[in-house]
Amino acid sequence: MIFESHAHYDDEAFQKDVHQLIPYMKEQGISYIINIGASIASSKGSLELSAVYPHVYAALGVHPSETGTLTEEDIQWLKEHLRVEKVVALGEIGLDYYWDEPDRKIQQHWFQRQMELALESKLPMVIHSRDAAHDTYQMMKEAGADKVGGVVHCFSYGKEMARDFLNLDYHLGIGGVITFKNGKKLREVVEYMPLNRILLETDSPYLSPEPNRGKRNNSLNLTFVAKEIANLKQVSYEEVLAVTMENAKKLFRMEN
């Protein structure tokens, strides 16, 4: 049994076959999927998928790259729908300085507002942070993000930042990059960090692991990620699946 902690099956890349793929993945051992919101529209898509499939749960939030048009009306929509039973997290939210737009002040404003929602709703956060390690960490620390916990998704920094986020009681999302030839830094982080703070994720349809790099990603590829983690941690593949399952269910407050 595998817990997929971060996927985007509402993405247009899955438009033609999502309703065949999701049931098939369940048959193949993908027991839980968190479908992650990246905009108001995709958050609505996450809600719709979670309503159809018992093993799909939703996270609602607005990715930093989508905050340029965000409004307080959108924040109120999020606030209302965070109460839906199968919504288990707020995200993905955070900072992305790789691109020049939206302006960093705009990203920071809406990151702060969405963290406030998470704290008010007592939901864990799914954090997106790209080329913005220091600001992400400082804003999380000042906001009291440790009070609700969460995961820094698609973790891309080194051991020093890993330590800081782990000290905030956050998990790190590990995906296909760990199998890449240029993934040495991430492999060092996985060797360093405890297994009980790792979440398996794909970020589907993006970041397919070797040997499927460049193809559309899906949760079945988590087997390659888990095997690489097992090799790095010198534990069995089955232990990686069991521990990451327990990690995710505990973080997302899921009992079943």
C-alpha atoms as a PDB file:
ATOM      1  CA  MET A   1       0.000   0.000   0.000  1.00  0.00           C
ATOM      2  CA  ILE A   2       1.338   3.395  -1.045  1.00  0.00           C
ATOM      3  CA  PHE A   3       0.331   6.891   0.088  1.00  0.00           C
ATOM      4  CA  GLU A   4       0.602   9.519  -2.664  1.00  0.00           C
ATOM      5  CA  SER A   5       0.878  12.805  -0.788  1.00  0.00           C
ATOM      6  CA  HIS A   6       0.980  15.255  -3.711  1.00  0.00           C
ATOM      7  CA  ALA A   7      -0.579  14.969  -7.173  1.00  0.00           C
ATOM      8  CA  HIS A   8      -2.567  17.125  -9.593  1.00  0.00           C
ATOM      9  CA  TYR A   9      -5.052  14.801 -11.298  1.00  0.00           C
ATOM     10  CA  ASP A  10      -7.290  17.760 -12.114  1.00  0.00           C
ATOM     11  CA  ASP A  11      -4.537  18.934 -14.497  1.00  0.00           C
ATOM     12  CA  GLU A  12      -5.377  19.068 -18.198  1.00  0.00           C
ATOM     13  CA  ALA A  13      -2.674  16.451 -18.808  1.00  0.00           C
ATOM     14  CA  PHE A  14      -5.102  13.901 -17.310  1.00  0.00           C
ATOM     15  CA  GLN A  15      -8.253  15.255 -18.946  1.00  0.00           C
ATOM     16  CA  LYS A  16      -8.746  12.284 -21.266  1.00  0.00           C
ATOM     17  CA  ASP A  17      -8.134   9.362 -18.903  1.00  0.00           C
ATOM     18  CA  VAL A  18      -8.291  10.475 -15.268  1.00  0.00           C
ATOM     19  CA  HIS A  19     -11.438   8.438 -14.585  1.00  0.00           C
ATOM     20  CA  GLN A  20      -9.750   5.281 -15.858  1.00  0.00           C
ATOM     21  CA  LEU A  21      -6.393   5.980 -14.240  1.00  0.00           C
ATOM     22  CA  ILE A  22      -7.462   6.716 -10.658  1.00  0.00           C
ATOM     23  CA  PRO A  23      -9.436   3.446 -10.169  1.00  0.00           C
ATOM     24  CA  TYR A  24      -6.620   1.484 -11.839  1.00  0.00           C
ATOM     25  CA  MET A  25      -4.036   2.959  -9.464  1.00  0.00           C
ATOM     26  CA  LYS A  26      -6.182   1.866  -6.523  1.00  0.00           C
ATOM     27  CA  GLU A  27      -6.117  -1.689  -7.880  1.00  0.00           C
ATOM     28  CA  GLN A  28      -2.321  -1.441  -8.156  1.00  0.00           C
ATOM     29  CA  GLY A  29      -1.800  -0.472  -4.529  1.00  0.00           C
ATOM     30  CA  ILE A  30      -2.061   3.326  -4.469  1.00  0.00           C
ATOM     31  CA  SER A  31      -4.272   3.365  -1.396  1.00  0.00           C
ATOM     32  CA  TYR A  32      -4.451   7.123  -0.777  1.00  0.00           C
ATOM     33  CA  ILE A  33      -4.029  10.173  -2.989  1.00  0.00           C
ATOM     34  CA  ILE A  34      -3.981  13.801  -1.899  1.00  0.00           C
ATOM     35  CA  ASN A  35      -4.986  15.932  -4.876  1.00  0.00           C
ATOM     36  CA  ILE A  36      -3.457  19.351  -4.403  1.00  0.00           C
ATOM     37  CA  GLY A  37      -4.978  22.696  -5.282  1.00  0.00           C
ATOM     38  CA  ALA A  38      -2.764  25.242  -7.042  1.00  0.00           C
ATOM     39  CA  SER A  39      -5.442  27.822  -7.897  1.00  0.00           C
ATOM     40  CA  ILE A  40      -9.100  28.364  -7.058  1.00  0.00           C
ATOM     41  CA  ALA A  41     -10.055  26.440 -10.209  1.00  0.00           C
ATOM     42  CA  SER A  42      -7.799  23.484  -9.419  1.00  0.00           C
ATOM     43  CA  SER A  43      -8.938  23.525  -5.789  1.00  0.00           C
ATOM     44  CA  LYS A  44     -12.474  23.056  -7.112  1.00  0.00           C
ATOM     45  CA  GLY A  45     -11.133  20.199  -9.242  1.00  0.00           C
ATOM     46  CA  SER A  46      -9.612  18.611  -6.153  1.00  0.00           C
ATOM     47  CA  LEU A  47     -12.955  18.812  -4.359  1.00  0.00           C
ATOM     48  CA  GLU A  48     -14.701  17.169  -7.301  1.00  0.00           C
ATOM     49  CA  LEU A  49     -12.251  14.258  -7.481  1.00  0.00           C
ATOM     50  CA  SER A  50     -12.402  13.683  -3.728  1.00  0.00           C
ATOM     51  CA  ALA A  51     -16.194  13.542  -3.924  1.00  0.00           C
ATOM     52  CA  VAL A  52     -16.068  10.819  -6.586  1.00  0.00           C
ATOM     53  CA  TYR A  53     -13.290   8.536  -5.301  1.00  0.00           C
ATOM     54  CA  PRO A  54     -13.122   7.249  -1.706  1.00  0.00           C
ATOM     55  CA  HIS A  55      -9.310   7.020  -1.772  1.00  0.00           C
ATOM     56  CA  VAL A  56      -8.809  10.592  -3.059  1.00  0.00           C
ATOM     57  CA  TYR A  57      -8.596  13.483  -0.611  1.00  0.00           C
ATOM     58  CA  ALA A  58      -8.242  17.204  -1.298  1.00  0.00           C
ATOM     59  CA  ALA A  59      -5.918  20.033  -0.379  1.00  0.00           C
ATOM     60  CA  LEU A  60      -7.128  23.528  -1.228  1.00  0.00           C
ATOM     61  CA  GLY A  61      -4.869  26.505  -1.828  1.00  0.00           C
ATOM     62  CA  VAL A  62      -3.267  28.888  -4.298  1.00  0.00           C
ATOM     63  CA  HIS A  63       0.273  28.365  -5.583  1.00  0.00           C
ATOM     64  CA  PRO A  64       2.511  31.470  -5.350  1.00  0.00           C
ATOM     65  CA  SER A  65       2.678  31.759  -9.143  1.00  0.00           C
ATOM     66  CA  GLU A  66      -1.128  32.113  -9.197  1.00  0.00           C
ATOM     67  CA  THR A  67      -1.398  34.797  -6.512  1.00  0.00           C
ATOM     68  CA  GLY A  68      -1.257  37.755  -8.912  1.00  0.00           C
ATOM     69  CA  THR A  69      -5.027  37.716  -9.354  1.00  0.00           C
ATOM     70  CA  LEU A  70      -5.984  36.405  -5.906  1.00  0.00           C
ATOM     71  CA  THR A  71      -8.632  38.374  -3.980  1.00  0.00           C
ATOM     72  CA  GLU A  72     -10.121  38.435  -0.507  1.00  0.00           C
ATOM     73  CA  GLU A  73     -13.243  36.932  -2.057  1.00  0.00           C
ATOM     74  CA  ASP A  74     -11.121  33.927  -3.050  1.00  0.00           C
ATOM     75  CA  ILE A  75      -9.778  33.719   0.500  1.00  0.00           C
ATOM     76  CA  GLN A  76     -13.333  33.576   1.800  1.00  0.00           C
ATOM     77  CA  TRP A  77     -14.133  30.772  -0.669  1.00  0.00           C
ATOM     78  CA  LEU A  78     -11.148  28.830   0.641  1.00  0.00           C
ATOM     79  CA  LYS A  79     -12.164  29.477   4.232  1.00  0.00           C
ATOM     80  CA  GLU A  80     -15.653  28.104   3.601  1.00  0.00           C
ATOM     81  CA  HIS A  81     -14.522  25.008   1.699  1.00  0.00           C
ATOM     82  CA  LEU A  82     -11.730  24.066   4.076  1.00  0.00           C
ATOM     83  CA  ARG A  83     -14.554  22.762   6.259  1.00  0.00           C
ATOM     84  CA  VAL A  84     -15.476  20.046   3.721  1.00  0.00           C
ATOM     85  CA  GLU A  85     -14.943  16.624   5.274  1.00  0.00           C
ATOM     86  CA  LYS A  86     -12.407  15.261   2.793  1.00  0.00           C
ATOM     87  CA  VAL A  87     -10.260  18.392   2.763  1.00  0.00           C
ATOM     88  CA  VAL A  88      -7.155  17.434   4.736  1.00  0.00           C
ATOM     89  CA  ALA A  89      -4.711  20.297   4.122  1.00  0.00           C
ATOM     90  CA  LEU A  90      -4.245  23.837   2.884  1.00  0.00           C
ATOM     91  CA  GLY A  91      -1.963  24.019  -0.124  1.00  0.00           C
ATOM     92  CA  GLU A  92      -0.021  24.302  -2.052  1.00  0.00           C
ATOM     93  CA  ILE A  93       1.017  27.698  -0.772  1.00  0.00           C
ATOM     94  CA  GLY A  94       4.349  29.447  -0.403  1.00  0.00           C
ATOM     95  CA  LEU A  95       6.947  31.418  -2.358  1.00  0.00           C
ATOM     96  CA  ASP A  96       8.481  30.945  -5.802  1.00  0.00           C
ATOM     97  CA  TYR A  97      11.295  33.338  -6.698  1.00  0.00           C
ATOM     98  CA  TYR A  98      12.369  31.438  -9.812  1.00  0.00           C
ATOM     99  CA  TRP A  99      10.110  33.695 -11.866  1.00  0.00           C
ATOM    100  CA  ASP A 100       9.918  37.491 -11.611  1.00  0.00           C
ATOM    101  CA  GLU A 101       6.115  37.525 -11.483  1.00  0.00           C
ATOM    102  CA  PRO A 102       4.056  37.876  -9.390  1.00  0.00           C
ATOM    103  CA  ASP A 103       6.018  40.446  -7.414  1.00  0.00           C
ATOM    104  CA  ARG A 104       7.589  38.992  -4.278  1.00  0.00           C
ATOM    105  CA  LYS A 105       5.582  41.303  -2.022  1.00  0.00           C
ATOM    106  CA  ILE A 106       2.374  39.986  -3.598  1.00  0.00           C
ATOM    107  CA  GLN A 107       3.468  36.381  -3.070  1.00  0.00           C
ATOM    108  CA  GLN A 108       4.408  37.116   0.525  1.00  0.00           C
ATOM    109  CA  HIS A 109       1.086  38.826   1.268  1.00  0.00           C
ATOM    110  CA  TRP A 110      -1.007  35.897   0.051  1.00  0.00           C
ATOM    111  CA  PHE A 111       1.300  33.330   1.633  1.00  0.00           C
ATOM    112  CA  GLN A 112       0.716  35.069   4.953  1.00  0.00           C
ATOM    113  CA  ARG A 113      -3.056  35.218   4.417  1.00  0.00           C
ATOM    114  CA  GLN A 114      -3.247  31.541   3.542  1.00  0.00           C
ATOM    115  CA  MET A 115      -1.127  30.546   6.528  1.00  0.00           C
ATOM    116  CA  GLU A 116      -3.587  32.463   8.685  1.00  0.00           C
ATOM    117  CA  LEU A 117      -6.379  30.357   7.179  1.00  0.00           C
ATOM    118  CA  ALA A 118      -4.515  27.138   7.947  1.00  0.00           C
ATOM    119  CA  LEU A 119      -3.973  28.161  11.556  1.00  0.00           C
ATOM    120  CA  GLU A 120      -7.605  29.201  11.912  1.00  0.00           C
ATOM    121  CA  SER A 121      -8.809  25.946  10.345  1.00  0.00           C
ATOM    122  CA  LYS A 122      -6.219  23.841  12.227  1.00  0.00           C
ATOM    123  CA  LEU A 123      -5.170  22.145   8.994  1.00  0.00           C
ATOM    124  CA  PRO A 124      -1.621  21.162   8.005  1.00  0.00           C
ATOM    125  CA  MET A 125       0.038  23.135   5.217  1.00  0.00           C
ATOM    126  CA  VAL A 126       1.499  21.947   1.923  1.00  0.00           C
ATOM    127  CA  ILE A 127       4.374  24.339   1.274  1.00  0.00           C
ATOM    128  CA  HIS A 128       5.825  25.244  -2.125  1.00  0.00           C
ATOM    129  CA  SER A 129       9.253  26.881  -1.907  1.00  0.00           C
ATOM    130  CA  ARG A 130      11.514  27.482  -4.896  1.00  0.00           C
ATOM    131  CA  ASP A 131      14.619  29.661  -4.735  1.00  0.00           C
ATOM    132  CA  ALA A 132      13.091  31.228  -1.624  1.00  0.00           C
ATOM    133  CA  ALA A 133      14.363  29.128   1.276  1.00  0.00           C
ATOM    134  CA  HIS A 134      15.177  31.890   3.762  1.00  0.00           C
ATOM    135  CA  ASP A 135      11.994  33.925   3.249  1.00  0.00           C
ATOM    136  CA  THR A 136       9.810  30.808   3.308  1.00  0.00           C
ATOM    137  CA  TYR A 137      11.330  29.607   6.555  1.00  0.00           C
ATOM    138  CA  GLN A 138      11.218  33.021   8.251  1.00  0.00           C
ATOM    139  CA  MET A 139       7.601  33.625   7.290  1.00  0.00           C
ATOM    140  CA  MET A 140       6.586  30.168   8.470  1.00  0.00           C
ATOM    141  CA  LYS A 141       8.426  30.594  11.758  1.00  0.00           C
ATOM    142  CA  GLU A 142       6.938  34.036  12.418  1.00  0.00           C
ATOM    143  CA  ALA A 143       3.427  32.829  11.521  1.00  0.00           C
ATOM    144  CA  GLY A 144       3.597  29.899  13.945  1.00  0.00           C
ATOM    145  CA  ALA A 145       3.354  27.307  11.177  1.00  0.00           C
ATOM    146  CA  ASP A 146       4.665  24.666  13.566  1.00  0.00           C
ATOM    147  CA  LYS A 147       1.331  24.777  15.406  1.00  0.00           C
ATOM    148  CA  VAL A 148      -0.419  22.884  12.584  1.00  0.00           C
ATOM    149  CA  GLY A 149       2.498  21.121  10.883  1.00  0.00           C
ATOM    150  CA  GLY A 150       2.724  20.183   7.245  1.00  0.00           C
ATOM    151  CA  VAL A 151       5.115  19.276   4.458  1.00  0.00           C
ATOM    152  CA  VAL A 152       7.629  21.172   2.359  1.00  0.00           C
ATOM    153  CA  HIS A 153       6.679  19.636  -0.954  1.00  0.00           C
ATOM    154  CA  CYS A 154       9.215  18.713  -3.645  1.00  0.00           C
ATOM    155  CA  PHE A 155      12.041  19.582  -1.273  1.00  0.00           C
ATOM    156  CA  SER A 156      14.928  21.097  -3.245  1.00  0.00           C
ATOM    157  CA  TYR A 157      17.330  22.602  -0.721  1.00  0.00           C
ATOM    158  CA  GLY A 158      20.348  21.218   1.125  1.00  0.00           C
ATOM    159  CA  LYS A 159      20.835  19.654   4.543  1.00  0.00           C
ATOM    160  CA  GLU A 160      21.051  22.968   6.399  1.00  0.00           C
ATOM    161  CA  MET A 161      17.593  24.072   5.262  1.00  0.00           C
ATOM    162  CA  ALA A 162      16.273  20.561   5.752  1.00  0.00           C
ATOM    163  CA  ARG A 163      17.313  20.816   9.380  1.00  0.00           C
ATOM    164  CA  ASP A 164      15.525  24.154   9.787  1.00  0.00           C
ATOM    165  CA  PHE A 165      12.249  22.882   8.319  1.00  0.00           C
ATOM    166  CA  LEU A 166      12.486  19.645  10.311  1.00  0.00           C
ATOM    167  CA  ASN A 167      12.970  21.719  13.456  1.00  0.00           C
ATOM    168  CA  LEU A 168       9.662  23.431  12.635  1.00  0.00           C
ATOM    169  CA  ASP A 169       8.156  19.916  12.838  1.00  0.00           C
ATOM    170  CA  TYR A 170       7.587  19.766   9.089  1.00  0.00           C
ATOM    171  CA  HIS A 171       7.864  16.753   6.827  1.00  0.00           C
ATOM    172  CA  LEU A 172       9.726  16.812   3.521  1.00  0.00           C
ATOM    173  CA  GLY A 173       8.080  15.618   0.299  1.00  0.00           C
ATOM    174  CA  ILE A 174      10.382  13.366  -1.723  1.00  0.00           C
ATOM    175  CA  GLY A 175       9.650  12.579  -5.359  1.00  0.00           C
ATOM    176  CA  GLY A 176      11.203  11.687  -8.677  1.00  0.00           C
ATOM    177  CA  VAL A 177      14.165  14.075  -8.429  1.00  0.00           C
ATOM    178  CA  ILE A 178      15.809  11.623  -6.035  1.00  0.00           C
ATOM    179  CA  THR A 179      16.370   9.278  -9.000  1.00  0.00           C
ATOM    180  CA  PHE A 180      17.925  11.931 -11.269  1.00  0.00           C
ATOM    181  CA  LYS A 181      21.652  11.944 -12.000  1.00  0.00           C
ATOM    182  CA  ASN A 182      21.754  15.558 -10.776  1.00  0.00           C
ATOM    183  CA  GLY A 183      19.776  14.693  -7.625  1.00  0.00           C
ATOM    184  CA  LYS A 184      22.832  14.266  -5.384  1.00  0.00           C
ATOM    185  CA  LYS A 185      21.841  17.096  -3.021  1.00  0.00           C
ATOM    186  CA  LEU A 186      18.412  15.565  -2.425  1.00  0.00           C
ATOM    187  CA  ARG A 187      19.916  12.114  -1.870  1.00  0.00           C
ATOM    188  CA  GLU A 188      22.181  13.633   0.787  1.00  0.00           C
ATOM    189  CA  VAL A 189      19.126  15.157   2.479  1.00  0.00           C
ATOM    190  CA  VAL A 190      17.316  11.799   2.499  1.00  0.00           C
ATOM    191  CA  GLU A 191      20.369  10.083   3.977  1.00  0.00           C
ATOM    192  CA  TYR A 192      20.496  12.774   6.667  1.00  0.00           C
ATOM    193  CA  MET A 193      16.830  13.049   7.650  1.00  0.00           C
ATOM    194  CA  PRO A 194      14.823  10.501   9.667  1.00  0.00           C
ATOM    195  CA  LEU A 195      12.554   8.153   7.735  1.00  0.00           C
ATOM    196  CA  ASN A 196       9.594   9.147   9.891  1.00  0.00           C
ATOM    197  CA  ARG A 197       9.612  12.645   8.384  1.00  0.00           C
ATOM    198  CA  ILE A 198       9.497  11.605   4.716  1.00  0.00           C
ATOM    199  CA  LEU A 199       6.350  11.744   2.565  1.00  0.00           C
ATOM    200  CA  LEU A 200       6.220  10.061  -0.834  1.00  0.00           C
ATOM    201  CA  GLU A 201       4.980  12.291  -3.648  1.00  0.00           C
ATOM    202  CA  THR A 202       5.015  12.521  -7.420  1.00  0.00           C
ATOM    203  CA  ASP A 203       3.778  16.054  -8.218  1.00  0.00           C
ATOM    204  CA  SER A 204       2.005  14.321 -11.141  1.00  0.00           C
ATOM    205  CA  PRO A 205       1.929  15.057 -14.020  1.00  0.00           C
ATOM    206  CA  TYR A 206       5.394  16.550 -13.461  1.00  0.00           C
ATOM    207  CA  LEU A 207       8.850  15.237 -12.463  1.00  0.00           C
ATOM    208  CA  SER A 208       8.645  11.600 -13.505  1.00  0.00           C
ATOM    209  CA  PRO A 209      11.469   9.548 -11.974  1.00  0.00           C
ATOM    210  CA  GLU A 210      13.993   7.502 -13.878  1.00  0.00           C
ATOM    211  CA  PRO A 211      13.429   5.393 -15.933  1.00  0.00           C
ATOM    212  CA  ASN A 212      10.352   7.385 -17.041  1.00  0.00           C
ATOM    213  CA  ARG A 213      11.845  10.873 -16.891  1.00  0.00           C
ATOM    214  CA  GLY A 214      10.284  13.178 -19.466  1.00  0.00           C
ATOM    215  CA  LYS A 215       7.007  11.260 -19.608  1.00  0.00           C
ATOM    216  CA  ARG A 216       3.745  12.183 -17.912  1.00  0.00           C
ATOM    217  CA  ASN A 217       4.078  11.239 -14.269  1.00  0.00           C
ATOM    218  CA  ASN A 218       1.524   9.297 -12.207  1.00  0.00           C
ATOM    219  CA  SER A 219       1.400   7.735  -8.773  1.00  0.00           C
ATOM    220  CA  LEU A 220       2.450   4.279  -9.969  1.00  0.00           C
ATOM    221  CA  ASN A 221       5.945   5.735 -10.346  1.00  0.00           C
ATOM    222  CA  LEU A 222       6.218   6.048  -6.573  1.00  0.00           C
ATOM    223  CA  THR A 223       7.670   2.538  -6.565  1.00  0.00           C
ATOM    224  CA  PHE A 224      10.882   3.926  -8.112  1.00  0.00           C
ATOM    225  CA  VAL A 225      11.048   6.698  -5.509  1.00  0.00           C
ATOM    226  CA  ALA A 226      10.457   4.330  -2.602  1.00  0.00           C
ATOM    227  CA  LYS A 227      13.108   1.889  -3.844  1.00  0.00           C
ATOM    228  CA  GLU A 228      15.697   4.668  -4.054  1.00  0.00           C
ATOM    229  CA  ILE A 229      14.830   5.814  -0.529  1.00  0.00           C
ATOM    230  CA  ALA A 230      15.129   2.234   0.736  1.00  0.00           C
ATOM    231  CA  ASN A 231      18.560   1.977  -0.835  1.00  0.00           C
ATOM    232  CA  LEU A 232      19.735   5.263   0.695  1.00  0.00           C
ATOM    233  CA  LYS A 233      18.333   4.495   4.148  1.00  0.00           C
ATOM    234  CA  GLN A 234      19.469   0.850   4.020  1.00  0.00           C
ATOM    235  CA  VAL A 235      16.037  -0.472   4.931  1.00  0.00           C
ATOM    236  CA  SER A 236      13.563  -2.628   3.049  1.00  0.00           C
ATOM    237  CA  TYR A 237      11.237  -1.277   0.383  1.00  0.00           C
ATOM    238  CA  GLU A 238       8.322  -2.543   2.480  1.00  0.00           C
ATOM    239  CA  GLU A 239       9.504  -0.535   5.481  1.00  0.00           C
ATOM    240  CA  VAL A 240       9.648   2.643   3.413  1.00  0.00           C
ATOM    241  CA  LEU A 241       6.061   2.110   2.268  1.00  0.00           C
ATOM    242  CA  ALA A 242       4.843   1.323   5.787  1.00  0.00           C
ATOM    243  CA  VAL A 243       6.574   4.226   7.508  1.00  0.00           C
ATOM    244  CA  THR A 244       5.662   6.822   4.869  1.00  0.00           C
ATOM    245  CA  MET A 245       2.060   5.595   5.011  1.00  0.00           C
ATOM    246  CA  GLU A 246       2.033   6.103   8.770  1.00  0.00           C
ATOM    247  CA  ASN A 247       3.702   9.520   8.401  1.00  0.00           C
ATOM    248  CA  ALA A 248       1.088  10.774   5.951  1.00  0.00           C
ATOM    249  CA  LYS A 249      -1.940   9.417   7.779  1.00  0.00           C
ATOM    250  CA  LYS A 250      -0.750  10.990  11.003  1.00  0.00           C
ATOM    251  CA  LEU A 251       0.038  14.354   9.386  1.00  0.00           C
ATOM    252  CA  PHE A 252      -3.275  14.577   7.504  1.00  0.00           C
ATOM    253  CA  ARG A 253      -5.253  13.335  10.544  1.00  0.00           C
ATOM    254  CA  MET A 254      -6.626  10.318   8.682  1.00  0.00           C
ATOM    255  CA  GLU A 255      -7.728   7.381  10.783  1.00  0.00           C
ATOM    256  CA  ASN A 256      -9.100   4.971   8.167  1.00  0.00           C
END
